[in-house]
Amino acid sequence: MRYDLSGNLNRLMRERAISQAALSRATGVSQPTINRILCEVTLHPRHDSLVRLANFFGVTPDSMYGSPSKKSRDNSEAYLNELSEKIRCLSAADRSALFVKIVENPKKFRLDDHRSLCRSYMI
């Protein structure tokens, strides 16, 4: 699978109608770095730069590469509804086992702040 950081950054910038210079000022990522990403000279920028860009656009750093886990803020409600429905379709035992794993390993699932949500499903 080919990841497309350049294309995704370009799309996000067009959606926000933001220039390279304005994005640089807003994120603290240098304009030449942004240009190198857009021109595919830099395929894997420093992690801190990627995090600042992703935070500005309200997406995850992984989603900047176009990975399957990408969920924008606009799609998050639909995604959560779909996920909730899938969880509800599990048997009570499977649902409890799933949430026990999540509560025991929150960093693995990137859900440190959602333990109470998981516990409410276990009841």
PDB file of N, CA and C in Angstrom:
ATOM      1  N   MET A   1       0.846  -1.185   0.000  1.00  0.00           N
ATOM      2  CA  MET A   1       0.000   0.000   0.000  1.00  0.00           C
ATOM      3  C   MET A   1       0.891   1.247   0.000  1.00  0.00           C
ATOM      4  N   ARG A   2       0.624   2.159  -0.868  1.00  0.00           N
ATOM      5  CA  ARG A   2       1.399   3.393  -0.962  1.00  0.00           C
ATOM      6  C   ARG A   2       0.753   4.457  -0.085  1.00  0.00           C
ATOM      7  N   TYR A   3       1.549   5.009   0.813  1.00  0.00           N
ATOM      8  CA  TYR A   3       1.049   6.069   1.665  1.00  0.00           C
ATOM      9  C   TYR A   3       1.316   7.405   0.998  1.00  0.00           C
ATOM     10  N   ASP A   4       0.403   8.333   1.103  1.00  0.00           N
ATOM     11  CA  ASP A   4       0.475   9.576   0.353  1.00  0.00           C
ATOM     12  C   ASP A   4       0.412  10.782   1.280  1.00  0.00           C
ATOM     13  N   LEU A   5       1.503  11.035   1.975  1.00  0.00           N
ATOM     14  CA  LEU A   5       1.568  12.186   2.865  1.00  0.00           C
ATOM     15  C   LEU A   5       1.399  13.477   2.078  1.00  0.00           C
ATOM     16  N   SER A   6       2.092  13.588   0.965  1.00  0.00           N
ATOM     17  CA  SER A   6       2.025  14.792   0.152  1.00  0.00           C
ATOM     18  C   SER A   6       0.597  15.082  -0.312  1.00  0.00           C
ATOM     19  N   GLY A   7      -0.059  14.083  -0.855  1.00  0.00           N
ATOM     20  CA  GLY A   7      -1.430  14.260  -1.345  1.00  0.00           C
ATOM     21  C   GLY A   7      -2.404  14.606  -0.240  1.00  0.00           C
ATOM     22  N   ASN A   8      -2.257  13.962   0.909  1.00  0.00           N
ATOM     23  CA  ASN A   8      -3.162  14.243   2.025  1.00  0.00           C
ATOM     24  C   ASN A   8      -2.940  15.649   2.584  1.00  0.00           C
ATOM     25  N   LEU A   9      -1.685  16.048   2.706  1.00  0.00           N
ATOM     26  CA  LEU A   9      -1.405  17.399   3.187  1.00  0.00           C
ATOM     27  C   LEU A   9      -1.940  18.428   2.198  1.00  0.00           C
ATOM     28  N   ASN A  10      -1.745  18.185   0.921  1.00  0.00           N
ATOM     29  CA  ASN A  10      -2.247  19.092  -0.106  1.00  0.00           C
ATOM     30  C   ASN A  10      -3.776  19.210  -0.034  1.00  0.00           C
ATOM     31  N   ARG A  11      -4.446  18.082   0.117  1.00  0.00           N
ATOM     32  CA  ARG A  11      -5.916  18.074   0.210  1.00  0.00           C
ATOM     33  C   ARG A  11      -6.385  18.843   1.446  1.00  0.00           C
ATOM     34  N   LEU A  12      -5.750  18.594   2.588  1.00  0.00           N
ATOM     35  CA  LEU A  12      -6.139  19.284   3.817  1.00  0.00           C
ATOM     36  C   LEU A  12      -5.920  20.789   3.694  1.00  0.00           C
ATOM     37  N   MET A  13      -4.839  21.175   3.054  1.00  0.00           N
ATOM     38  CA  MET A  13      -4.561  22.600   2.870  1.00  0.00           C
ATOM     39  C   MET A  13      -5.603  23.238   1.946  1.00  0.00           C
ATOM     40  N   ARG A  14      -5.988  22.522   0.889  1.00  0.00           N
ATOM     41  CA  ARG A  14      -7.016  23.065  -0.021  1.00  0.00           C
ATOM     42  C   ARG A  14      -8.358  23.185   0.691  1.00  0.00           C
ATOM     43  N   GLU A  15      -8.715  22.164   1.491  1.00  0.00           N
ATOM     44  CA  GLU A  15      -9.989  22.199   2.224  1.00  0.00           C
ATOM     45  C   GLU A  15     -10.050  23.392   3.166  1.00  0.00           C
ATOM     46  N   ARG A  16      -8.933  23.740   3.755  1.00  0.00           N
ATOM     47  CA  ARG A  16      -8.862  24.873   4.681  1.00  0.00           C
ATOM     48  C   ARG A  16      -8.495  26.181   3.997  1.00  0.00           C
ATOM     49  N   ALA A  17      -8.185  26.090   2.707  1.00  0.00           N
ATOM     50  CA  ALA A  17      -7.752  27.266   1.938  1.00  0.00           C
ATOM     51  C   ALA A  17      -6.610  27.984   2.657  1.00  0.00           C
ATOM     52  N   ILE A  18      -5.582  27.218   3.002  1.00  0.00           N
ATOM     53  CA  ILE A  18      -4.441  27.771   3.726  1.00  0.00           C
ATOM     54  C   ILE A  18      -3.170  27.609   2.901  1.00  0.00           C
ATOM     55  N   SER A  19      -2.360  28.624   2.889  1.00  0.00           N
ATOM     56  CA  SER A  19      -1.106  28.602   2.141  1.00  0.00           C
ATOM     57  C   SER A  19      -0.012  27.932   2.966  1.00  0.00           C
ATOM     58  N   GLN A  20       1.091  27.625   2.291  1.00  0.00           N
ATOM     59  CA  GLN A  20       2.243  27.058   2.994  1.00  0.00           C
ATOM     60  C   GLN A  20       2.745  28.013   4.076  1.00  0.00           C
ATOM     61  N   ALA A  21       2.813  29.286   3.744  1.00  0.00           N
ATOM     62  CA  ALA A  21       3.313  30.275   4.706  1.00  0.00           C
ATOM     63  C   ALA A  21       2.389  30.380   5.915  1.00  0.00           C
ATOM     64  N   ALA A  22       1.084  30.398   5.669  1.00  0.00           N
ATOM     65  CA  ALA A  22       0.125  30.500   6.776  1.00  0.00           C
ATOM     66  C   ALA A  22       0.158  29.245   7.632  1.00  0.00           C
ATOM     67  N   LEU A  23       0.289  28.084   6.997  1.00  0.00           N
ATOM     68  CA  LEU A  23       0.372  26.828   7.752  1.00  0.00           C
ATOM     69  C   LEU A  23       1.645  26.810   8.588  1.00  0.00           C
ATOM     70  N   SER A  24       2.719  27.314   8.037  1.00  0.00           N
ATOM     71  CA  SER A  24       3.973  27.390   8.773  1.00  0.00           C
ATOM     72  C   SER A  24       3.826  28.262  10.017  1.00  0.00           C
ATOM     73  N   ARG A  25       3.217  29.430   9.844  1.00  0.00           N
ATOM     74  CA  ARG A  25       3.012  30.334  10.988  1.00  0.00           C
ATOM     75  C   ARG A  25       2.106  29.697  12.045  1.00  0.00           C
ATOM     76  N   ALA A  26       1.086  28.975  11.610  1.00  0.00           N
ATOM     77  CA  ALA A  26       0.119  28.398  12.542  1.00  0.00           C
ATOM     78  C   ALA A  26       0.669  27.185  13.293  1.00  0.00           C
ATOM     79  N   THR A  27       1.604  26.464  12.686  1.00  0.00           N
ATOM     80  CA  THR A  27       2.084  25.218  13.284  1.00  0.00           C
ATOM     81  C   THR A  27       3.500  25.280  13.832  1.00  0.00           C
ATOM     82  N   GLY A  28       4.276  26.241  13.356  1.00  0.00           N
ATOM     83  CA  GLY A  28       5.681  26.293  13.742  1.00  0.00           C
ATOM     84  C   GLY A  28       6.558  25.360  12.920  1.00  0.00           C
ATOM     85  N   VAL A  29       5.974  24.685  11.934  1.00  0.00           N
ATOM     86  CA  VAL A  29       6.751  23.850  11.017  1.00  0.00           C
ATOM     87  C   VAL A  29       7.242  24.779   9.908  1.00  0.00           C
ATOM     88  N   SER A  30       8.517  24.725   9.599  1.00  0.00           N
ATOM     89  CA  SER A  30       9.064  25.677   8.632  1.00  0.00           C
ATOM     90  C   SER A  30       8.400  25.518   7.262  1.00  0.00           C
ATOM     91  N   GLN A  31       8.292  26.645   6.550  1.00  0.00           N
ATOM     92  CA  GLN A  31       7.701  26.626   5.210  1.00  0.00           C
ATOM     93  C   GLN A  31       8.510  25.748   4.258  1.00  0.00           C
ATOM     94  N   PRO A  32       9.843  25.764   4.311  1.00  0.00           N
ATOM     95  CA  PRO A  32      10.588  24.848   3.438  1.00  0.00           C
ATOM     96  C   PRO A  32      10.287  23.372   3.727  1.00  0.00           C
ATOM     97  N   THR A  33      10.076  23.025   4.987  1.00  0.00           N
ATOM     98  CA  THR A  33       9.721  21.644   5.327  1.00  0.00           C
ATOM     99  C   THR A  33       8.371  21.286   4.729  1.00  0.00           C
ATOM    100  N   ILE A  34       7.405  22.174   4.857  1.00  0.00           N
ATOM    101  CA  ILE A  34       6.079  21.937   4.277  1.00  0.00           C
ATOM    102  C   ILE A  34       6.199  21.784   2.765  1.00  0.00           C
ATOM    103  N   ASN A  35       6.994  22.633   2.130  1.00  0.00           N
ATOM    104  CA  ASN A  35       7.194  22.556   0.683  1.00  0.00           C
ATOM    105  C   ASN A  35       7.844  21.236   0.293  1.00  0.00           C
ATOM    106  N   ARG A  36       8.837  20.785   1.051  1.00  0.00           N
ATOM    107  CA  ARG A  36       9.515  19.515   0.745  1.00  0.00           C
ATOM    108  C   ARG A  36       8.561  18.332   0.889  1.00  0.00           C
ATOM    109  N   ILE A  37       7.644  18.402   1.852  1.00  0.00           N
ATOM    110  CA  ILE A  37       6.640  17.341   1.996  1.00  0.00           C
ATOM    111  C   ILE A  37       5.715  17.350   0.778  1.00  0.00           C
ATOM    112  N   LEU A  38       5.243  18.529   0.393  1.00  0.00           N
ATOM    113  CA  LEU A  38       4.326  18.644  -0.744  1.00  0.00           C
ATOM    114  C   LEU A  38       4.975  18.218  -2.053  1.00  0.00           C
ATOM    115  N   CYS A  39       6.269  18.457  -2.199  1.00  0.00           N
ATOM    116  CA  CYS A  39       6.993  18.086  -3.425  1.00  0.00           C
ATOM    117  C   CYS A  39       7.551  16.668  -3.360  1.00  0.00           C
ATOM    118  N   GLU A  40       7.262  15.955  -2.303  1.00  0.00           N
ATOM    119  CA  GLU A  40       7.702  14.576  -2.078  1.00  0.00           C
ATOM    120  C   GLU A  40       9.221  14.436  -2.015  1.00  0.00           C
ATOM    121  N   VAL A  41       9.892  15.503  -1.604  1.00  0.00           N
ATOM    122  CA  VAL A  41      11.323  15.430  -1.337  1.00  0.00           C
ATOM    123  C   VAL A  41      11.516  14.801   0.039  1.00  0.00           C
ATOM    124  N   THR A  42      10.655  15.192   0.982  1.00  0.00           N
ATOM    125  CA  THR A  42      10.650  14.613   2.323  1.00  0.00           C
ATOM    126  C   THR A  42       9.432  13.708   2.432  1.00  0.00           C
ATOM    127  N   LEU A  43       9.689  12.408   2.523  1.00  0.00           N
ATOM    128  CA  LEU A  43       8.585  11.446   2.624  1.00  0.00           C
ATOM    129  C   LEU A  43       8.242  11.119   4.071  1.00  0.00           C
ATOM    130  N   HIS A  44       9.228  11.279   4.955  1.00  0.00           N
ATOM    131  CA  HIS A  44       9.031  10.960   6.373  1.00  0.00           C
ATOM    132  C   HIS A  44       9.598  12.099   7.221  1.00  0.00           C
ATOM    133  N   PRO A  45       8.800  13.151   7.434  1.00  0.00           N
ATOM    134  CA  PRO A  45       9.291  14.278   8.239  1.00  0.00           C
ATOM    135  C   PRO A  45       9.468  13.878   9.704  1.00  0.00           C
ATOM    136  N   ARG A  46      10.154  14.733  10.440  1.00  0.00           N
ATOM    137  CA  ARG A  46      10.326  14.476  11.880  1.00  0.00           C
ATOM    138  C   ARG A  46       8.962  14.319  12.545  1.00  0.00           C
ATOM    139  N   HIS A  47       8.928  13.480  13.559  1.00  0.00           N
ATOM    140  CA  HIS A  47       7.671  13.175  14.241  1.00  0.00           C
ATOM    141  C   HIS A  47       7.008  14.429  14.805  1.00  0.00           C
ATOM    142  N   ASP A  48       7.795  15.312  15.419  1.00  0.00           N
ATOM    143  CA  ASP A  48       7.196  16.511  16.019  1.00  0.00           C
ATOM    144  C   ASP A  48       6.565  17.401  14.956  1.00  0.00           C
ATOM    145  N   SER A  49       7.152  17.463  13.774  1.00  0.00           N
ATOM    146  CA  SER A  49       6.555  18.254  12.692  1.00  0.00           C
ATOM    147  C   SER A  49       5.245  17.636  12.237  1.00  0.00           C
ATOM    148  N   LEU A  50       5.246  16.332  12.092  1.00  0.00           N
ATOM    149  CA  LEU A  50       4.032  15.632  11.662  1.00  0.00           C
ATOM    150  C   LEU A  50       2.914  15.797  12.681  1.00  0.00           C
ATOM    151  N   VAL A  51       3.247  15.725  13.957  1.00  0.00           N
ATOM    152  CA  VAL A  51       2.254  15.894  15.019  1.00  0.00           C
ATOM    153  C   VAL A  51       1.664  17.297  14.983  1.00  0.00           C
ATOM    154  N   ARG A  52       2.496  18.299  14.806  1.00  0.00           N
ATOM    155  CA  ARG A  52       1.988  19.679  14.754  1.00  0.00           C
ATOM    156  C   ARG A  52       1.072  19.901  13.559  1.00  0.00           C
ATOM    157  N   LEU A  53       1.427  19.339  12.413  1.00  0.00           N
ATOM    158  CA  LEU A  53       0.563  19.454  11.227  1.00  0.00           C
ATOM    159  C   LEU A  53      -0.760  18.731  11.452  1.00  0.00           C
ATOM    160  N   ALA A  54      -0.682  17.513  11.966  1.00  0.00           N
ATOM    161  CA  ALA A  54      -1.896  16.726  12.212  1.00  0.00           C
ATOM    162  C   ALA A  54      -2.806  17.425  13.214  1.00  0.00           C
ATOM    163  N   ASN A  55      -2.239  17.951  14.282  1.00  0.00           N
ATOM    164  CA  ASN A  55      -3.040  18.654  15.288  1.00  0.00           C
ATOM    165  C   ASN A  55      -3.749  19.865  14.695  1.00  0.00           C
ATOM    166  N   PHE A  56      -3.062  20.582  13.830  1.00  0.00           N
ATOM    167  CA  PHE A  56      -3.672  21.749  13.200  1.00  0.00           C
ATOM    168  C   PHE A  56      -4.925  21.349  12.413  1.00  0.00           C
ATOM    169  N   PHE A  57      -4.838  20.237  11.686  1.00  0.00           N
ATOM    170  CA  PHE A  57      -5.957  19.809  10.852  1.00  0.00           C
ATOM    171  C   PHE A  57      -6.967  18.934  11.601  1.00  0.00           C
ATOM    172  N   GLY A  58      -6.676  18.593  12.844  1.00  0.00           N
ATOM    173  CA  GLY A  58      -7.606  17.791  13.638  1.00  0.00           C
ATOM    174  C   GLY A  58      -7.664  16.343  13.214  1.00  0.00           C
ATOM    175  N   VAL A  59      -6.514  15.806  12.783  1.00  0.00           N
ATOM    176  CA  VAL A  59      -6.440  14.402  12.382  1.00  0.00           C
ATOM    177  C   VAL A  59      -5.296  13.747  13.148  1.00  0.00           C
ATOM    178  N   THR A  60      -5.198  12.441  13.061  1.00  0.00           N
ATOM    179  CA  THR A  60      -4.099  11.743  13.718  1.00  0.00           C
ATOM    180  C   THR A  60      -2.851  11.809  12.847  1.00  0.00           C
ATOM    181  N   PRO A  61      -1.673  11.734  13.453  1.00  0.00           N
ATOM    182  CA  PRO A  61      -0.453  11.708  12.640  1.00  0.00           C
ATOM    183  C   PRO A  61      -0.449  10.551  11.636  1.00  0.00           C
ATOM    184  N   ASP A  62      -0.933   9.372  12.048  1.00  0.00           N
ATOM    185  CA  ASP A  62      -1.000   8.234  11.124  1.00  0.00           C
ATOM    186  C   ASP A  62      -1.866   8.541   9.915  1.00  0.00           C
ATOM    187  N   SER A  63      -2.941   9.269  10.128  1.00  0.00           N
ATOM    188  CA  SER A  63      -3.858   9.551   9.028  1.00  0.00           C
ATOM    189  C   SER A  63      -3.242  10.483   7.994  1.00  0.00           C
ATOM    190  N   MET A  64      -2.207  11.203   8.372  1.00  0.00           N
ATOM    191  CA  MET A  64      -1.535  12.074   7.408  1.00  0.00           C
ATOM    192  C   MET A  64      -0.912  11.243   6.281  1.00  0.00           C
ATOM    193  N   TYR A  65      -0.586   9.999   6.580  1.00  0.00           N
ATOM    194  CA  TYR A  65      -0.029   9.105   5.565  1.00  0.00           C
ATOM    195  C   TYR A  65      -1.117   8.362   4.791  1.00  0.00           C
ATOM    196  N   GLY A  66      -2.381   8.559   5.191  1.00  0.00           N
ATOM    197  CA  GLY A  66      -3.466   7.904   4.478  1.00  0.00           C
ATOM    198  C   GLY A  66      -3.704   6.490   4.937  1.00  0.00           C
ATOM    199  N   SER A  67      -3.296   6.166   6.162  1.00  0.00           N
ATOM    200  CA  SER A  67      -3.497   4.820   6.664  1.00  0.00           C
ATOM    201  C   SER A  67      -4.980   4.552   6.877  1.00  0.00           C
ATOM    202  N   PRO A  68      -5.389   3.300   6.917  1.00  0.00           N
ATOM    203  CA  PRO A  68      -6.797   2.966   7.066  1.00  0.00           C
ATOM    204  C   PRO A  68      -7.450   3.495   8.330  1.00  0.00           C
ATOM    205  N   SER A  69      -6.643   3.859   9.348  1.00  0.00           N
ATOM    206  CA  SER A  69      -7.230   4.344  10.594  1.00  0.00           C
ATOM    207  C   SER A  69      -7.650   5.805  10.522  1.00  0.00           C
ATOM    208  N   LYS A  70      -7.452   6.437   9.394  1.00  0.00           N
ATOM    209  CA  LYS A  70      -7.746   7.860   9.265  1.00  0.00           C
ATOM    210  C   LYS A  70      -9.227   8.147   9.478  1.00  0.00           C
ATOM    211  N   LYS A  71      -9.516   9.030  10.402  1.00  0.00           N
ATOM    212  CA  LYS A  71     -10.884   9.486  10.649  1.00  0.00           C
ATOM    213  C   LYS A  71     -10.825  10.972  10.920  1.00  0.00           C
ATOM    214  N   SER A  72     -11.424  11.746  10.083  1.00  0.00           N
ATOM    215  CA  SER A  72     -11.442  13.180  10.322  1.00  0.00           C
ATOM    216  C   SER A  72     -12.521  13.505  11.334  1.00  0.00           C
ATOM    217  N   ARG A  73     -12.493  14.718  11.854  1.00  0.00           N
ATOM    218  CA  ARG A  73     -13.516  15.120  12.816  1.00  0.00           C
ATOM    219  C   ARG A  73     -14.909  15.025  12.220  1.00  0.00           C
ATOM    220  N   ASP A  74     -15.040  15.298  10.918  1.00  0.00           N
ATOM    221  CA  ASP A  74     -16.338  15.245  10.263  1.00  0.00           C
ATOM    222  C   ASP A  74     -16.914  13.838  10.262  1.00  0.00           C
ATOM    223  N   ASN A  75     -16.048  12.834  10.194  1.00  0.00           N
ATOM    224  CA  ASN A  75     -16.503  11.449  10.121  1.00  0.00           C
ATOM    225  C   ASN A  75     -16.536  10.759  11.476  1.00  0.00           C
ATOM    226  N   SER A  76     -16.075  11.413  12.525  1.00  0.00           N
ATOM    227  CA  SER A  76     -15.916  10.735  13.806  1.00  0.00           C
ATOM    228  C   SER A  76     -17.242  10.276  14.398  1.00  0.00           C
ATOM    229  N   GLU A  77     -18.307  11.049  14.251  1.00  0.00           N
ATOM    230  CA  GLU A  77     -19.589  10.634  14.810  1.00  0.00           C
ATOM    231  C   GLU A  77     -20.107   9.390  14.094  1.00  0.00           C
ATOM    232  N   ALA A  78     -20.024   9.365  12.782  1.00  0.00           N
ATOM    233  CA  ALA A  78     -20.460   8.193  12.019  1.00  0.00           C
ATOM    234  C   ALA A  78     -19.598   6.985  12.373  1.00  0.00           C
ATOM    235  N   TYR A  79     -18.303   7.198  12.506  1.00  0.00           N
ATOM    236  CA  TYR A  79     -17.393   6.115  12.873  1.00  0.00           C
ATOM    237  C   TYR A  79     -17.733   5.558  14.252  1.00  0.00           C
ATOM    238  N   LEU A  80     -17.971   6.444  15.213  1.00  0.00           N
ATOM    239  CA  LEU A  80     -18.309   5.992  16.562  1.00  0.00           C
ATOM    240  C   LEU A  80     -19.652   5.260  16.589  1.00  0.00           C
ATOM    241  N   ASN A  81     -20.604   5.722  15.812  1.00  0.00           N
ATOM    242  CA  ASN A  81     -21.898   5.034  15.737  1.00  0.00           C
ATOM    243  C   ASN A  81     -21.732   3.629  15.157  1.00  0.00           C
ATOM    244  N   GLU A  82     -20.927   3.516  14.114  1.00  0.00           N
ATOM    245  CA  GLU A  82     -20.672   2.213  13.495  1.00  0.00           C
ATOM    246  C   GLU A  82     -19.957   1.279  14.471  1.00  0.00           C
ATOM    247  N   LEU A  83     -18.958   1.808  15.148  1.00  0.00           N
ATOM    248  CA  LEU A  83     -18.219   1.017  16.126  1.00  0.00           C
ATOM    249  C   LEU A  83     -19.122   0.589  17.271  1.00  0.00           C
ATOM    250  N   SER A  84     -19.945   1.496  17.749  1.00  0.00           N
ATOM    251  CA  SER A  84     -20.869   1.181  18.834  1.00  0.00           C
ATOM    252  C   SER A  84     -21.826   0.064  18.434  1.00  0.00           C
ATOM    253  N   GLU A  85     -22.321   0.118  17.205  1.00  0.00           N
ATOM    254  CA  GLU A  85     -23.240  -0.922  16.728  1.00  0.00           C
ATOM    255  C   GLU A  85     -22.545  -2.274  16.651  1.00  0.00           C
ATOM    256  N   LYS A  86     -21.297  -2.287  16.198  1.00  0.00           N
ATOM    257  CA  LYS A  86     -20.544  -3.544  16.137  1.00  0.00           C
ATOM    258  C   LYS A  86     -20.338  -4.113  17.530  1.00  0.00           C
ATOM    259  N   ILE A  87     -20.067  -3.251  18.491  1.00  0.00           N
ATOM    260  CA  ILE A  87     -19.870  -3.703  19.867  1.00  0.00           C
ATOM    261  C   ILE A  87     -21.169  -4.267  20.437  1.00  0.00           C
ATOM    262  N   ARG A  88     -22.270  -3.602  20.150  1.00  0.00           N
ATOM    263  CA  ARG A  88     -23.567  -4.077  20.648  1.00  0.00           C
ATOM    264  C   ARG A  88     -23.934  -5.440  20.077  1.00  0.00           C
ATOM    265  N   CYS A  89     -23.427  -5.779  18.887  1.00  0.00           N
ATOM    266  CA  CYS A  89     -23.729  -7.072  18.263  1.00  0.00           C
ATOM    267  C   CYS A  89     -22.947  -8.223  18.893  1.00  0.00           C
ATOM    268  N   LEU A  90     -21.922  -7.908  19.680  1.00  0.00           N
ATOM    269  CA  LEU A  90     -21.160  -8.955  20.349  1.00  0.00           C
ATOM    270  C   LEU A  90     -21.980  -9.565  21.476  1.00  0.00           C
ATOM    271  N   SER A  91     -21.680 -10.814  21.798  1.00  0.00           N
ATOM    272  CA  SER A  91     -22.317 -11.425  22.963  1.00  0.00           C
ATOM    273  C   SER A  91     -21.832 -10.691  24.209  1.00  0.00           C
ATOM    274  N   ALA A  92     -22.568 -10.821  25.293  1.00  0.00           N
ATOM    275  CA  ALA A  92     -22.194 -10.145  26.535  1.00  0.00           C
ATOM    276  C   ALA A  92     -20.793 -10.569  26.983  1.00  0.00           C
ATOM    277  N   ALA A  93     -20.470 -11.843  26.847  1.00  0.00           N
ATOM    278  CA  ALA A  93     -19.161 -12.345  27.261  1.00  0.00           C
ATOM    279  C   ALA A  93     -18.046 -11.754  26.381  1.00  0.00           C
ATOM    280  N   ASP A  94     -18.268 -11.729  25.063  1.00  0.00           N
ATOM    281  CA  ASP A  94     -17.266 -11.175  24.157  1.00  0.00           C
ATOM    282  C   ASP A  94     -17.083  -9.673  24.380  1.00  0.00           C
ATOM    283  N   ARG A  95     -18.189  -8.984  24.622  1.00  0.00           N
ATOM    284  CA  ARG A  95     -18.134  -7.545  24.870  1.00  0.00           C
ATOM    285  C   ARG A  95     -17.332  -7.270  26.145  1.00  0.00           C
ATOM    286  N   SER A  96     -17.597  -8.028  27.200  1.00  0.00           N
ATOM    287  CA  SER A  96     -16.852  -7.845  28.453  1.00  0.00           C
ATOM    288  C   SER A  96     -15.374  -8.141  28.267  1.00  0.00           C
ATOM    289  N   ALA A  97     -15.054  -9.192  27.530  1.00  0.00           N
ATOM    290  CA  ALA A  97     -13.659  -9.550  27.298  1.00  0.00           C
ATOM    291  C   ALA A  97     -12.945  -8.442  26.514  1.00  0.00           C
ATOM    292  N   LEU A  98     -13.620  -7.894  25.531  1.00  0.00           N
ATOM    293  CA  LEU A  98     -13.051  -6.803  24.745  1.00  0.00           C
ATOM    294  C   LEU A  98     -12.725  -5.605  25.632  1.00  0.00           C
ATOM    295  N   PHE A  99     -13.679  -5.207  26.459  1.00  0.00           N
ATOM    296  CA  PHE A  99     -13.464  -4.022  27.279  1.00  0.00           C
ATOM    297  C   PHE A  99     -12.465  -4.255  28.405  1.00  0.00           C
ATOM    298  N   VAL A 100     -12.366  -5.467  28.887  1.00  0.00           N
ATOM    299  CA  VAL A 100     -11.331  -5.771  29.874  1.00  0.00           C
ATOM    300  C   VAL A 100      -9.963  -5.553  29.239  1.00  0.00           C
ATOM    301  N   LYS A 101      -9.786  -6.034  27.993  1.00  0.00           N
ATOM    302  CA  LYS A 101      -8.513  -5.834  27.300  1.00  0.00           C
ATOM    303  C   LYS A 101      -8.218  -4.348  27.106  1.00  0.00           C
ATOM    304  N   ILE A 102      -9.227  -3.593  26.760  1.00  0.00           N
ATOM    305  CA  ILE A 102      -9.035  -2.158  26.526  1.00  0.00           C
ATOM    306  C   ILE A 102      -8.674  -1.447  27.827  1.00  0.00           C
ATOM    307  N   VAL A 103      -9.379  -1.748  28.900  1.00  0.00           N
ATOM    308  CA  VAL A 103      -9.117  -1.096  30.185  1.00  0.00           C
ATOM    309  C   VAL A 103      -7.732  -1.474  30.712  1.00  0.00           C
ATOM    310  N   GLU A 104      -7.318  -2.716  30.470  1.00  0.00           N
ATOM    311  CA  GLU A 104      -6.014  -3.160  30.950  1.00  0.00           C
ATOM    312  C   GLU A 104      -4.858  -2.634  30.099  1.00  0.00           C
ATOM    313  N   ASN A 105      -5.108  -2.312  28.855  1.00  0.00           N
ATOM    314  CA  ASN A 105      -4.058  -1.856  27.932  1.00  0.00           C
ATOM    315  C   ASN A 105      -4.474  -0.585  27.196  1.00  0.00           C
ATOM    316  N   PRO A 106      -4.778   0.496  27.902  1.00  0.00           N
ATOM    317  CA  PRO A 106      -5.309   1.693  27.235  1.00  0.00           C
ATOM    318  C   PRO A 106      -4.352   2.314  26.219  1.00  0.00           C
ATOM    319  N   LYS A 107      -3.047   2.236  26.471  1.00  0.00           N
ATOM    320  CA  LYS A 107      -2.099   2.840  25.526  1.00  0.00           C
ATOM    321  C   LYS A 107      -2.086   2.094  24.204  1.00  0.00           C
ATOM    322  N   LYS A 108      -2.237   0.785  24.253  1.00  0.00           N
ATOM    323  CA  LYS A 108      -2.271  -0.020  23.033  1.00  0.00           C
ATOM    324  C   LYS A 108      -3.438   0.393  22.144  1.00  0.00           C
ATOM    325  N   PHE A 109      -4.542   0.746  22.778  1.00  0.00           N
ATOM    326  CA  PHE A 109      -5.746   1.121  22.035  1.00  0.00           C
ATOM    327  C   PHE A 109      -5.923   2.632  21.933  1.00  0.00           C
ATOM    328  N   ARG A 110      -4.953   3.394  22.462  1.00  0.00           N
ATOM    329  CA  ARG A 110      -5.004   4.863  22.435  1.00  0.00           C
ATOM    330  C   ARG A 110      -6.286   5.396  23.058  1.00  0.00           C
ATOM    331  N   LEU A 111      -6.655   4.817  24.187  1.00  0.00           N
ATOM    332  CA  LEU A 111      -7.908   5.201  24.835  1.00  0.00           C
ATOM    333  C   LEU A 111      -7.711   5.575  26.291  1.00  0.00           C
ATOM    334  N   ASP A 112      -6.605   6.199  26.628  1.00  0.00           N
ATOM    335  CA  ASP A 112      -6.332   6.552  28.022  1.00  0.00           C
ATOM    336  C   ASP A 112      -7.476   7.323  28.666  1.00  0.00           C
ATOM    337  N   ASP A 113      -8.125   8.200  27.909  1.00  0.00           N
ATOM    338  CA  ASP A 113      -9.162   9.054  28.476  1.00  0.00           C
ATOM    339  C   ASP A 113     -10.550   8.441  28.407  1.00  0.00           C
ATOM    340  N   HIS A 114     -10.662   7.210  27.908  1.00  0.00           N
ATOM    341  CA  HIS A 114     -11.985   6.635  27.691  1.00  0.00           C
ATOM    342  C   HIS A 114     -12.272   5.412  28.559  1.00  0.00           C
ATOM    343  N   ARG A 115     -11.547   5.263  29.647  1.00  0.00           N
ATOM    344  CA  ARG A 115     -11.766   4.102  30.516  1.00  0.00           C
ATOM    345  C   ARG A 115     -13.186   4.060  31.069  1.00  0.00           C
ATOM    346  N   SER A 116     -13.719   5.221  31.440  1.00  0.00           N
ATOM    347  CA  SER A 116     -15.071   5.231  32.006  1.00  0.00           C
ATOM    348  C   SER A 116     -16.096   4.808  30.959  1.00  0.00           C
ATOM    349  N   LEU A 117     -15.887   5.180  29.708  1.00  0.00           N
ATOM    350  CA  LEU A 117     -16.779   4.757  28.636  1.00  0.00           C
ATOM    351  C   LEU A 117     -16.752   3.237  28.500  1.00  0.00           C
ATOM    352  N   CYS A 118     -15.548   2.664  28.524  1.00  0.00           N
ATOM    353  CA  CYS A 118     -15.428   1.224  28.417  1.00  0.00           C
ATOM    354  C   CYS A 118     -16.108   0.515  29.581  1.00  0.00           C
ATOM    355  N   ARG A 119     -15.920   1.049  30.769  1.00  0.00           N
ATOM    356  CA  ARG A 119     -16.551   0.424  31.940  1.00  0.00           C
ATOM    357  C   ARG A 119     -18.064   0.500  31.872  1.00  0.00           C
ATOM    358  N   SER A 120     -18.617   1.570  31.303  1.00  0.00           N
ATOM    359  CA  SER A 120     -20.075   1.677  31.216  1.00  0.00           C
ATOM    360  C   SER A 120     -20.652   0.614  30.282  1.00  0.00           C
ATOM    361  N   TYR A 121     -19.897   0.206  29.261  1.00  0.00           N
ATOM    362  CA  TYR A 121     -20.371  -0.858  28.379  1.00  0.00           C
ATOM    363  C   TYR A 121     -20.299  -2.227  29.046  1.00  0.00           C
ATOM    364  N   MET A 122     -19.398  -2.363  30.025  1.00  0.00           N
ATOM    365  CA  MET A 122     -19.236  -3.648  30.702  1.00  0.00           C
ATOM    366  C   MET A 122     -20.375  -3.953  31.647  1.00  0.00           C
ATOM    367  N   ILE A 123     -21.075  -2.942  32.077  1.00  0.00           N
ATOM    368  CA  ILE A 123     -22.153  -3.124  33.065  1.00  0.00           C
ATOM    369  C   ILE A 123     -23.380  -3.714  32.413  1.00  0.00           C
TER     370      ILE A 123
END
